[in-house]
């Protein structure tokens, strides 16, 4: 669990918080994981998250003062985060990104009007300083409900690559509401986690066209037999 500027972040699998070694966390391939975050500040917090170099949080997620969320899914797909091995087939299809296996959390706090008092030549003046403009002031999401059930699916693979990526896993019922935008600080704080495999995958088959490796499978399959990605 990482603590910075009144903000806590951690990676969880099956409800259990994973220990970190510096920025590294370890979990088995095929794990569906969640990102736990808590705001200990007395102001609202705006969070944006990148996984494997991709923004997965839309315009951002709002965490109220002294509140927490356990984010388990991509904002735009209603599918859980799933950690799989980056096999040769996946590398050949999607390429290799420098940010693969990285989770980068950016967070900053709400900025409100501040009253300034200044005396010039014996005359006291007061005025309100407007909030600093931040281009991130768009509609945000706030967590409304959590319905978590993390499972591990196994698959068949001959690759020994120890680098993983995050793909769409099983369906999530986690819901969000939109809230009005607000101004935030200009210098967000960053927390980084690097996901590492600590276990070899087991054997099982998985369905249709795989978005990770590009191969097609029979309709009876639900997950790709090569890498475990959910098949649409």
C-alpha atoms as a PDB file:
ATOM      1  CA  UNK A   1       0.000   0.000   0.000  1.00  0.00           C
ATOM      2  CA  UNK A   2       1.430   3.377  -1.082  1.00  0.00           C
ATOM      3  CA  UNK A   3       0.712   6.646   0.767  1.00  0.00           C
ATOM      4  CA  UNK A   4       1.402  10.084  -0.771  1.00  0.00           C
ATOM      5  CA  UNK A   5      -0.079  13.525  -0.008  1.00  0.00           C
ATOM      6  CA  UNK A   6      -3.059  12.189   1.973  1.00  0.00           C
ATOM      7  CA  UNK A   7      -3.772   9.599  -0.744  1.00  0.00           C
ATOM      8  CA  UNK A   8      -3.555   5.800  -0.459  1.00  0.00           C
ATOM      9  CA  UNK A   9      -3.341   3.333  -3.355  1.00  0.00           C
ATOM     10  CA  UNK A  10      -2.974  -0.442  -3.521  1.00  0.00           C
ATOM     11  CA  UNK A  11      -3.553  -3.394  -5.845  1.00  0.00           C
ATOM     12  CA  UNK A  12      -5.962  -6.114  -4.708  1.00  0.00           C
ATOM     13  CA  UNK A  13      -6.649  -9.660  -5.900  1.00  0.00           C
ATOM     14  CA  UNK A  14      -9.705 -11.542  -4.604  1.00  0.00           C
ATOM     15  CA  UNK A  15     -10.119  -8.843  -1.962  1.00  0.00           C
ATOM     16  CA  UNK A  16      -6.565  -9.218  -0.640  1.00  0.00           C
ATOM     17  CA  UNK A  17      -4.117  -6.305  -0.725  1.00  0.00           C
ATOM     18  CA  UNK A  18      -0.859  -7.151  -2.487  1.00  0.00           C
ATOM     19  CA  UNK A  19       2.449  -6.229  -0.886  1.00  0.00           C
ATOM     20  CA  UNK A  20       4.855  -3.985  -2.792  1.00  0.00           C
ATOM     21  CA  UNK A  21       8.601  -4.269  -3.191  1.00  0.00           C
ATOM     22  CA  UNK A  22       9.474  -0.710  -4.153  1.00  0.00           C
ATOM     23  CA  UNK A  23       7.055  -0.123  -7.086  1.00  0.00           C
ATOM     24  CA  UNK A  24       6.590  -3.839  -7.851  1.00  0.00           C
ATOM     25  CA  UNK A  25       3.577  -5.989  -6.992  1.00  0.00           C
ATOM     26  CA  UNK A  26       3.315  -9.724  -7.704  1.00  0.00           C
ATOM     27  CA  UNK A  27       0.278 -11.725  -8.778  1.00  0.00           C
ATOM     28  CA  UNK A  28      -0.418 -14.859 -10.855  1.00  0.00           C
ATOM     29  CA  UNK A  29      -1.218 -14.625 -14.543  1.00  0.00           C
ATOM     30  CA  UNK A  30      -4.975 -14.787 -15.206  1.00  0.00           C
ATOM     31  CA  UNK A  31      -5.731 -12.824 -12.020  1.00  0.00           C
ATOM     32  CA  UNK A  32      -8.549 -10.313 -12.077  1.00  0.00           C
ATOM     33  CA  UNK A  33      -7.415  -7.438  -9.902  1.00  0.00           C
ATOM     34  CA  UNK A  34      -8.706  -4.108  -8.612  1.00  0.00           C
ATOM     35  CA  UNK A  35      -7.142  -0.754  -7.743  1.00  0.00           C
ATOM     36  CA  UNK A  36      -7.952   0.429  -4.219  1.00  0.00           C
ATOM     37  CA  UNK A  37      -7.727   4.182  -3.577  1.00  0.00           C
ATOM     38  CA  UNK A  38      -8.549   6.300  -0.522  1.00  0.00           C
ATOM     39  CA  UNK A  39      -8.640  10.083  -0.152  1.00  0.00           C
ATOM     40  CA  UNK A  40      -7.588  11.198   3.352  1.00  0.00           C
ATOM     41  CA  UNK A  41      -7.736  14.895   2.432  1.00  0.00           C
ATOM     42  CA  UNK A  42     -10.568  17.288   3.342  1.00  0.00           C
ATOM     43  CA  UNK A  43     -11.003  18.186  -0.348  1.00  0.00           C
ATOM     44  CA  UNK A  44     -12.301  16.198  -3.284  1.00  0.00           C
ATOM     45  CA  UNK A  45      -9.715  14.363  -5.321  1.00  0.00           C
ATOM     46  CA  UNK A  46      -9.588  13.836  -9.093  1.00  0.00           C
ATOM     47  CA  UNK A  47      -7.892  10.632 -10.254  1.00  0.00           C
ATOM     48  CA  UNK A  48      -6.860   9.504 -13.731  1.00  0.00           C
ATOM     49  CA  UNK A  49      -5.303   6.093 -14.351  1.00  0.00           C
ATOM     50  CA  UNK A  50      -3.120   4.712 -17.127  1.00  0.00           C
ATOM     51  CA  UNK A  51      -2.629   0.960 -17.585  1.00  0.00           C
ATOM     52  CA  UNK A  52      -0.120  -0.302 -20.158  1.00  0.00           C
ATOM     53  CA  UNK A  53       0.150   3.280 -21.423  1.00  0.00           C
ATOM     54  CA  UNK A  54      -3.616   3.659 -22.003  1.00  0.00           C
ATOM     55  CA  UNK A  55      -5.997   5.971 -20.148  1.00  0.00           C
ATOM     56  CA  UNK A  56      -8.638   3.650 -18.642  1.00  0.00           C
ATOM     57  CA  UNK A  57     -10.462   6.250 -16.497  1.00  0.00           C
ATOM     58  CA  UNK A  58     -11.983   8.576 -19.084  1.00  0.00           C
ATOM     59  CA  UNK A  59     -12.071  12.199 -17.881  1.00  0.00           C
ATOM     60  CA  UNK A  60     -11.282  11.060 -14.367  1.00  0.00           C
ATOM     61  CA  UNK A  61     -12.735   9.565 -11.207  1.00  0.00           C
ATOM     62  CA  UNK A  62     -13.746  11.698  -8.233  1.00  0.00           C
ATOM     63  CA  UNK A  63     -13.075  10.492  -4.694  1.00  0.00           C
ATOM     64  CA  UNK A  64     -14.810  12.484  -1.975  1.00  0.00           C
ATOM     65  CA  UNK A  65     -12.994  13.602   1.211  1.00  0.00           C
ATOM     66  CA  UNK A  66     -12.183  10.708   3.551  1.00  0.00           C
ATOM     67  CA  UNK A  67     -13.762   8.267   1.118  1.00  0.00           C
ATOM     68  CA  UNK A  68     -12.389   5.290  -0.812  1.00  0.00           C
ATOM     69  CA  UNK A  69     -13.135   3.252  -3.937  1.00  0.00           C
ATOM     70  CA  UNK A  70     -12.062  -0.135  -5.221  1.00  0.00           C
ATOM     71  CA  UNK A  71     -11.916   0.242  -9.007  1.00  0.00           C
ATOM     72  CA  UNK A  72     -12.268  -3.144 -10.711  1.00  0.00           C
ATOM     73  CA  UNK A  73     -13.081  -2.317 -14.336  1.00  0.00           C
ATOM     74  CA  UNK A  74     -12.378  -0.225 -17.414  1.00  0.00           C
ATOM     75  CA  UNK A  75     -14.649   2.838 -17.512  1.00  0.00           C
ATOM     76  CA  UNK A  76     -15.702   2.268 -21.120  1.00  0.00           C
ATOM     77  CA  UNK A  77     -16.217  -1.506 -21.269  1.00  0.00           C
ATOM     78  CA  UNK A  78     -17.749  -2.904 -18.034  1.00  0.00           C
ATOM     79  CA  UNK A  79     -15.052  -5.598 -18.032  1.00  0.00           C
ATOM     80  CA  UNK A  80     -12.735  -6.296 -15.109  1.00  0.00           C
ATOM     81  CA  UNK A  81      -8.977  -5.777 -15.142  1.00  0.00           C
ATOM     82  CA  UNK A  82      -7.261  -9.076 -15.956  1.00  0.00           C
ATOM     83  CA  UNK A  83      -3.489  -9.671 -15.883  1.00  0.00           C
ATOM     84  CA  UNK A  84      -2.204 -12.030 -18.576  1.00  0.00           C
ATOM     85  CA  UNK A  85       1.155 -13.028 -20.009  1.00  0.00           C
ATOM     86  CA  UNK A  86       2.395 -10.981 -22.973  1.00  0.00           C
ATOM     87  CA  UNK A  87       3.048 -13.938 -25.253  1.00  0.00           C
ATOM     88  CA  UNK A  88       4.922 -13.917 -28.562  1.00  0.00           C
ATOM     89  CA  UNK A  89       1.593 -14.056 -30.396  1.00  0.00           C
ATOM     90  CA  UNK A  90       0.423 -10.957 -28.522  1.00  0.00           C
ATOM     91  CA  UNK A  91       3.710  -9.155 -29.177  1.00  0.00           C
ATOM     92  CA  UNK A  92       3.474  -9.945 -32.893  1.00  0.00           C
ATOM     93  CA  UNK A  93      -0.136  -8.716 -33.068  1.00  0.00           C
ATOM     94  CA  UNK A  94      -0.152  -5.598 -30.850  1.00  0.00           C
ATOM     95  CA  UNK A  95       3.555  -4.883 -30.470  1.00  0.00           C
ATOM     96  CA  UNK A  96       5.572  -4.133 -27.317  1.00  0.00           C
ATOM     97  CA  UNK A  97       4.918  -0.962 -25.342  1.00  0.00           C
ATOM     98  CA  UNK A  98       7.415   0.530 -22.925  1.00  0.00           C
ATOM     99  CA  UNK A  99       4.545   1.030 -20.444  1.00  0.00           C
ATOM    100  CA  UNK A 100       3.369  -2.610 -20.516  1.00  0.00           C
ATOM    101  CA  UNK A 101       2.649  -3.928 -16.990  1.00  0.00           C
ATOM    102  CA  UNK A 102       2.644  -0.384 -15.523  1.00  0.00           C
ATOM    103  CA  UNK A 103      -0.255   1.176 -13.610  1.00  0.00           C
ATOM    104  CA  UNK A 104       0.175   4.945 -13.276  1.00  0.00           C
ATOM    105  CA  UNK A 105      -2.204   6.831 -10.975  1.00  0.00           C
ATOM    106  CA  UNK A 106      -2.379  10.634 -11.245  1.00  0.00           C
ATOM    107  CA  UNK A 107      -4.272  12.502  -8.543  1.00  0.00           C
ATOM    108  CA  UNK A 108      -4.792  16.108  -7.496  1.00  0.00           C
ATOM    109  CA  UNK A 109      -7.139  17.995  -5.189  1.00  0.00           C
ATOM    110  CA  UNK A 110      -9.885  20.529  -5.666  1.00  0.00           C
ATOM    111  CA  UNK A 111      -8.913  24.218  -5.666  1.00  0.00           C
ATOM    112  CA  UNK A 112     -11.429  26.731  -4.277  1.00  0.00           C
ATOM    113  CA  UNK A 113     -11.569  30.538  -4.139  1.00  0.00           C
ATOM    114  CA  UNK A 114      -9.115  32.116  -1.710  1.00  0.00           C
ATOM    115  CA  UNK A 115      -9.576  35.573  -0.112  1.00  0.00           C
ATOM    116  CA  UNK A 116      -6.447  37.743  -0.178  1.00  0.00           C
ATOM    117  CA  UNK A 117      -5.835  40.735   2.114  1.00  0.00           C
ATOM    118  CA  UNK A 118      -3.232  43.365   1.293  1.00  0.00           C
ATOM    119  CA  UNK A 119      -2.486  46.796   2.765  1.00  0.00           C
ATOM    120  CA  UNK A 120      -1.153  49.430   0.364  1.00  0.00           C
ATOM    121  CA  UNK A 121      -0.269  52.890   1.750  1.00  0.00           C
ATOM    122  CA  UNK A 122      -2.453  52.346   4.773  1.00  0.00           C
ATOM    123  CA  UNK A 123      -5.465  51.171   2.749  1.00  0.00           C
ATOM    124  CA  UNK A 124      -6.545  47.549   3.270  1.00  0.00           C
ATOM    125  CA  UNK A 125      -7.892  45.774   0.230  1.00  0.00           C
ATOM    126  CA  UNK A 126      -9.506  42.317  -0.029  1.00  0.00           C
ATOM    127  CA  UNK A 127     -10.285  40.329  -3.131  1.00  0.00           C
ATOM    128  CA  UNK A 128     -11.017  36.776  -4.193  1.00  0.00           C
ATOM    129  CA  UNK A 129      -8.435  34.971  -6.255  1.00  0.00           C
ATOM    130  CA  UNK A 130     -10.218  32.747  -8.813  1.00  0.00           C
ATOM    131  CA  UNK A 131      -9.302  29.068  -8.904  1.00  0.00           C
ATOM    132  CA  UNK A 132      -6.373  28.133 -11.117  1.00  0.00           C
ATOM    133  CA  UNK A 133      -7.662  26.954 -14.485  1.00  0.00           C
ATOM    134  CA  UNK A 134      -7.033  23.315 -15.216  1.00  0.00           C
ATOM    135  CA  UNK A 135      -7.964  21.869 -18.643  1.00  0.00           C
ATOM    136  CA  UNK A 136      -9.057  18.666 -16.900  1.00  0.00           C
ATOM    137  CA  UNK A 137     -12.264  20.369 -15.713  1.00  0.00           C
ATOM    138  CA  UNK A 138     -14.741  18.111 -17.528  1.00  0.00           C
ATOM    139  CA  UNK A 139     -17.536  15.817 -16.308  1.00  0.00           C
ATOM    140  CA  UNK A 140     -16.047  13.188 -14.018  1.00  0.00           C
ATOM    141  CA  UNK A 141     -17.130   9.848 -12.649  1.00  0.00           C
ATOM    142  CA  UNK A 142     -17.768   9.011  -9.032  1.00  0.00           C
ATOM    143  CA  UNK A 143     -18.082   5.464  -7.783  1.00  0.00           C
ATOM    144  CA  UNK A 144     -21.662   4.524  -6.952  1.00  0.00           C
ATOM    145  CA  UNK A 145     -21.572   0.805  -6.241  1.00  0.00           C
ATOM    146  CA  UNK A 146     -19.085  -2.053  -6.017  1.00  0.00           C
ATOM    147  CA  UNK A 147     -19.898  -5.616  -6.994  1.00  0.00           C
ATOM    148  CA  UNK A 148     -16.648  -7.573  -6.847  1.00  0.00           C
ATOM    149  CA  UNK A 149     -16.002 -11.250  -7.417  1.00  0.00           C
ATOM    150  CA  UNK A 150     -12.417 -11.865  -8.492  1.00  0.00           C
ATOM    151  CA  UNK A 151     -11.657 -15.193 -10.126  1.00  0.00           C
ATOM    152  CA  UNK A 152      -8.654 -16.803 -11.791  1.00  0.00           C
ATOM    153  CA  UNK A 153      -8.960 -18.424 -15.214  1.00  0.00           C
ATOM    154  CA  UNK A 154      -6.210 -20.722 -16.506  1.00  0.00           C
ATOM    155  CA  UNK A 155      -5.057 -21.259 -20.082  1.00  0.00           C
ATOM    156  CA  UNK A 156      -2.603 -23.138 -22.258  1.00  0.00           C
ATOM    157  CA  UNK A 157       0.606 -21.359 -23.332  1.00  0.00           C
ATOM    158  CA  UNK A 158       4.199 -22.339 -24.113  1.00  0.00           C
ATOM    159  CA  UNK A 159       5.734 -18.864 -23.725  1.00  0.00           C
ATOM    160  CA  UNK A 160       8.068 -18.112 -20.811  1.00  0.00           C
ATOM    161  CA  UNK A 161       7.841 -14.319 -21.153  1.00  0.00           C
ATOM    162  CA  UNK A 162       7.726 -12.801 -17.662  1.00  0.00           C
ATOM    163  CA  UNK A 163       6.086  -9.538 -18.812  1.00  0.00           C
ATOM    164  CA  UNK A 164       2.317  -9.207 -18.506  1.00  0.00           C
ATOM    165  CA  UNK A 165      -0.399  -6.874 -19.765  1.00  0.00           C
ATOM    166  CA  UNK A 166      -3.904  -5.988 -18.617  1.00  0.00           C
ATOM    167  CA  UNK A 167      -6.849  -7.058 -20.774  1.00  0.00           C
ATOM    168  CA  UNK A 168     -10.624  -7.296 -20.419  1.00  0.00           C
ATOM    169  CA  UNK A 169     -11.723 -10.043 -18.067  1.00  0.00           C
ATOM    170  CA  UNK A 170     -15.151 -11.100 -16.839  1.00  0.00           C
ATOM    171  CA  UNK A 171     -18.171  -8.795 -16.705  1.00  0.00           C
ATOM    172  CA  UNK A 172     -18.333  -6.215 -13.916  1.00  0.00           C
ATOM    173  CA  UNK A 173     -21.464  -4.763 -12.318  1.00  0.00           C
ATOM    174  CA  UNK A 174     -19.616  -1.763 -10.902  1.00  0.00           C
ATOM    175  CA  UNK A 175     -21.538   1.445 -11.650  1.00  0.00           C
ATOM    176  CA  UNK A 176     -20.687   5.147 -11.837  1.00  0.00           C
ATOM    177  CA  UNK A 177     -22.475   8.493 -11.687  1.00  0.00           C
ATOM    178  CA  UNK A 178     -21.324  11.684 -13.402  1.00  0.00           C
ATOM    179  CA  UNK A 179     -20.646  14.795 -11.299  1.00  0.00           C
ATOM    180  CA  UNK A 180     -20.011  18.432 -12.169  1.00  0.00           C
ATOM    181  CA  UNK A 181     -16.498  19.474 -13.041  1.00  0.00           C
ATOM    182  CA  UNK A 182     -14.280  21.444 -10.662  1.00  0.00           C
ATOM    183  CA  UNK A 183     -10.863  23.099 -10.735  1.00  0.00           C
ATOM    184  CA  UNK A 184      -7.827  21.215  -9.480  1.00  0.00           C
ATOM    185  CA  UNK A 185      -4.143  21.776  -8.846  1.00  0.00           C
ATOM    186  CA  UNK A 186      -1.812  22.160 -11.813  1.00  0.00           C
ATOM    187  CA  UNK A 187       0.724  19.560 -10.702  1.00  0.00           C
ATOM    188  CA  UNK A 188      -0.866  16.127 -10.135  1.00  0.00           C
ATOM    189  CA  UNK A 189       0.983  13.651  -7.924  1.00  0.00           C
ATOM    190  CA  UNK A 190       1.898  10.293  -9.430  1.00  0.00           C
ATOM    191  CA  UNK A 191       1.909   6.743  -8.003  1.00  0.00           C
ATOM    192  CA  UNK A 192       3.301   3.868 -10.103  1.00  0.00           C
ATOM    193  CA  UNK A 193       2.801   0.121  -9.737  1.00  0.00           C
ATOM    194  CA  UNK A 194       4.548  -2.471 -11.884  1.00  0.00           C
ATOM    195  CA  UNK A 195       2.692  -5.781 -12.186  1.00  0.00           C
ATOM    196  CA  UNK A 196       4.881  -8.882 -12.104  1.00  0.00           C
ATOM    197  CA  UNK A 197       3.960 -12.555 -12.489  1.00  0.00           C
ATOM    198  CA  UNK A 198       4.774 -14.767  -9.508  1.00  0.00           C
ATOM    199  CA  UNK A 199       3.251 -17.998 -10.786  1.00  0.00           C
ATOM    200  CA  UNK A 200       3.189 -20.044 -13.995  1.00  0.00           C
ATOM    201  CA  UNK A 201      -0.151 -20.281 -15.769  1.00  0.00           C
ATOM    202  CA  UNK A 202      -2.176 -23.489 -15.557  1.00  0.00           C
ATOM    203  CA  UNK A 203      -3.836 -25.239 -18.521  1.00  0.00           C
ATOM    204  CA  UNK A 204      -7.339 -24.662 -19.867  1.00  0.00           C
ATOM    205  CA  UNK A 205      -9.003 -23.523 -23.074  1.00  0.00           C
ATOM    206  CA  UNK A 206     -10.909 -20.256 -23.573  1.00  0.00           C
ATOM    207  CA  UNK A 207     -13.703 -18.033 -27.361  1.00  0.00           C
ATOM    208  CA  UNK A 208     -14.167 -16.069 -30.971  1.00  0.00           C
ATOM    209  CA  UNK A 209     -11.690 -13.352 -32.104  1.00  0.00           C
ATOM    210  CA  UNK A 210      -8.965 -12.406 -29.642  1.00  0.00           C
ATOM    211  CA  UNK A 211      -8.250  -8.667 -29.436  1.00  0.00           C
ATOM    212  CA  UNK A 212      -4.795  -9.340 -27.991  1.00  0.00           C
ATOM    213  CA  UNK A 213      -3.230 -11.929 -30.339  1.00  0.00           C
ATOM    214  CA  UNK A 214      -5.670 -11.689 -33.271  1.00  0.00           C
ATOM    215  CA  UNK A 215      -6.513 -15.407 -33.476  1.00  0.00           C
ATOM    216  CA  UNK A 216     -10.063 -16.713 -33.919  1.00  0.00           C
ATOM    217  CA  UNK A 217     -11.625 -19.525 -31.883  1.00  0.00           C
ATOM    218  CA  UNK A 218     -14.848 -21.520 -31.833  1.00  0.00           C
ATOM    219  CA  UNK A 219     -17.910 -19.908 -30.272  1.00  0.00           C
ATOM    220  CA  UNK A 220     -17.814 -22.359 -27.356  1.00  0.00           C
ATOM    221  CA  UNK A 221     -14.684 -20.648 -26.040  1.00  0.00           C
ATOM    222  CA  UNK A 222     -15.140 -17.744 -23.635  1.00  0.00           C
ATOM    223  CA  UNK A 223     -11.455 -16.829 -23.226  1.00  0.00           C
ATOM    224  CA  UNK A 224      -8.565 -17.066 -25.700  1.00  0.00           C
ATOM    225  CA  UNK A 225      -6.704 -20.415 -25.297  1.00  0.00           C
ATOM    226  CA  UNK A 226      -3.432 -18.607 -26.089  1.00  0.00           C
ATOM    227  CA  UNK A 227      -3.482 -15.791 -23.564  1.00  0.00           C
ATOM    228  CA  UNK A 228      -6.774 -15.733 -21.647  1.00  0.00           C
ATOM    229  CA  UNK A 229      -8.244 -12.495 -23.069  1.00  0.00           C
ATOM    230  CA  UNK A 230     -12.043 -12.299 -23.007  1.00  0.00           C
ATOM    231  CA  UNK A 231     -13.330 -13.093 -26.508  1.00  0.00           C
ATOM    232  CA  UNK A 232     -16.014 -10.784 -27.967  1.00  0.00           C
END
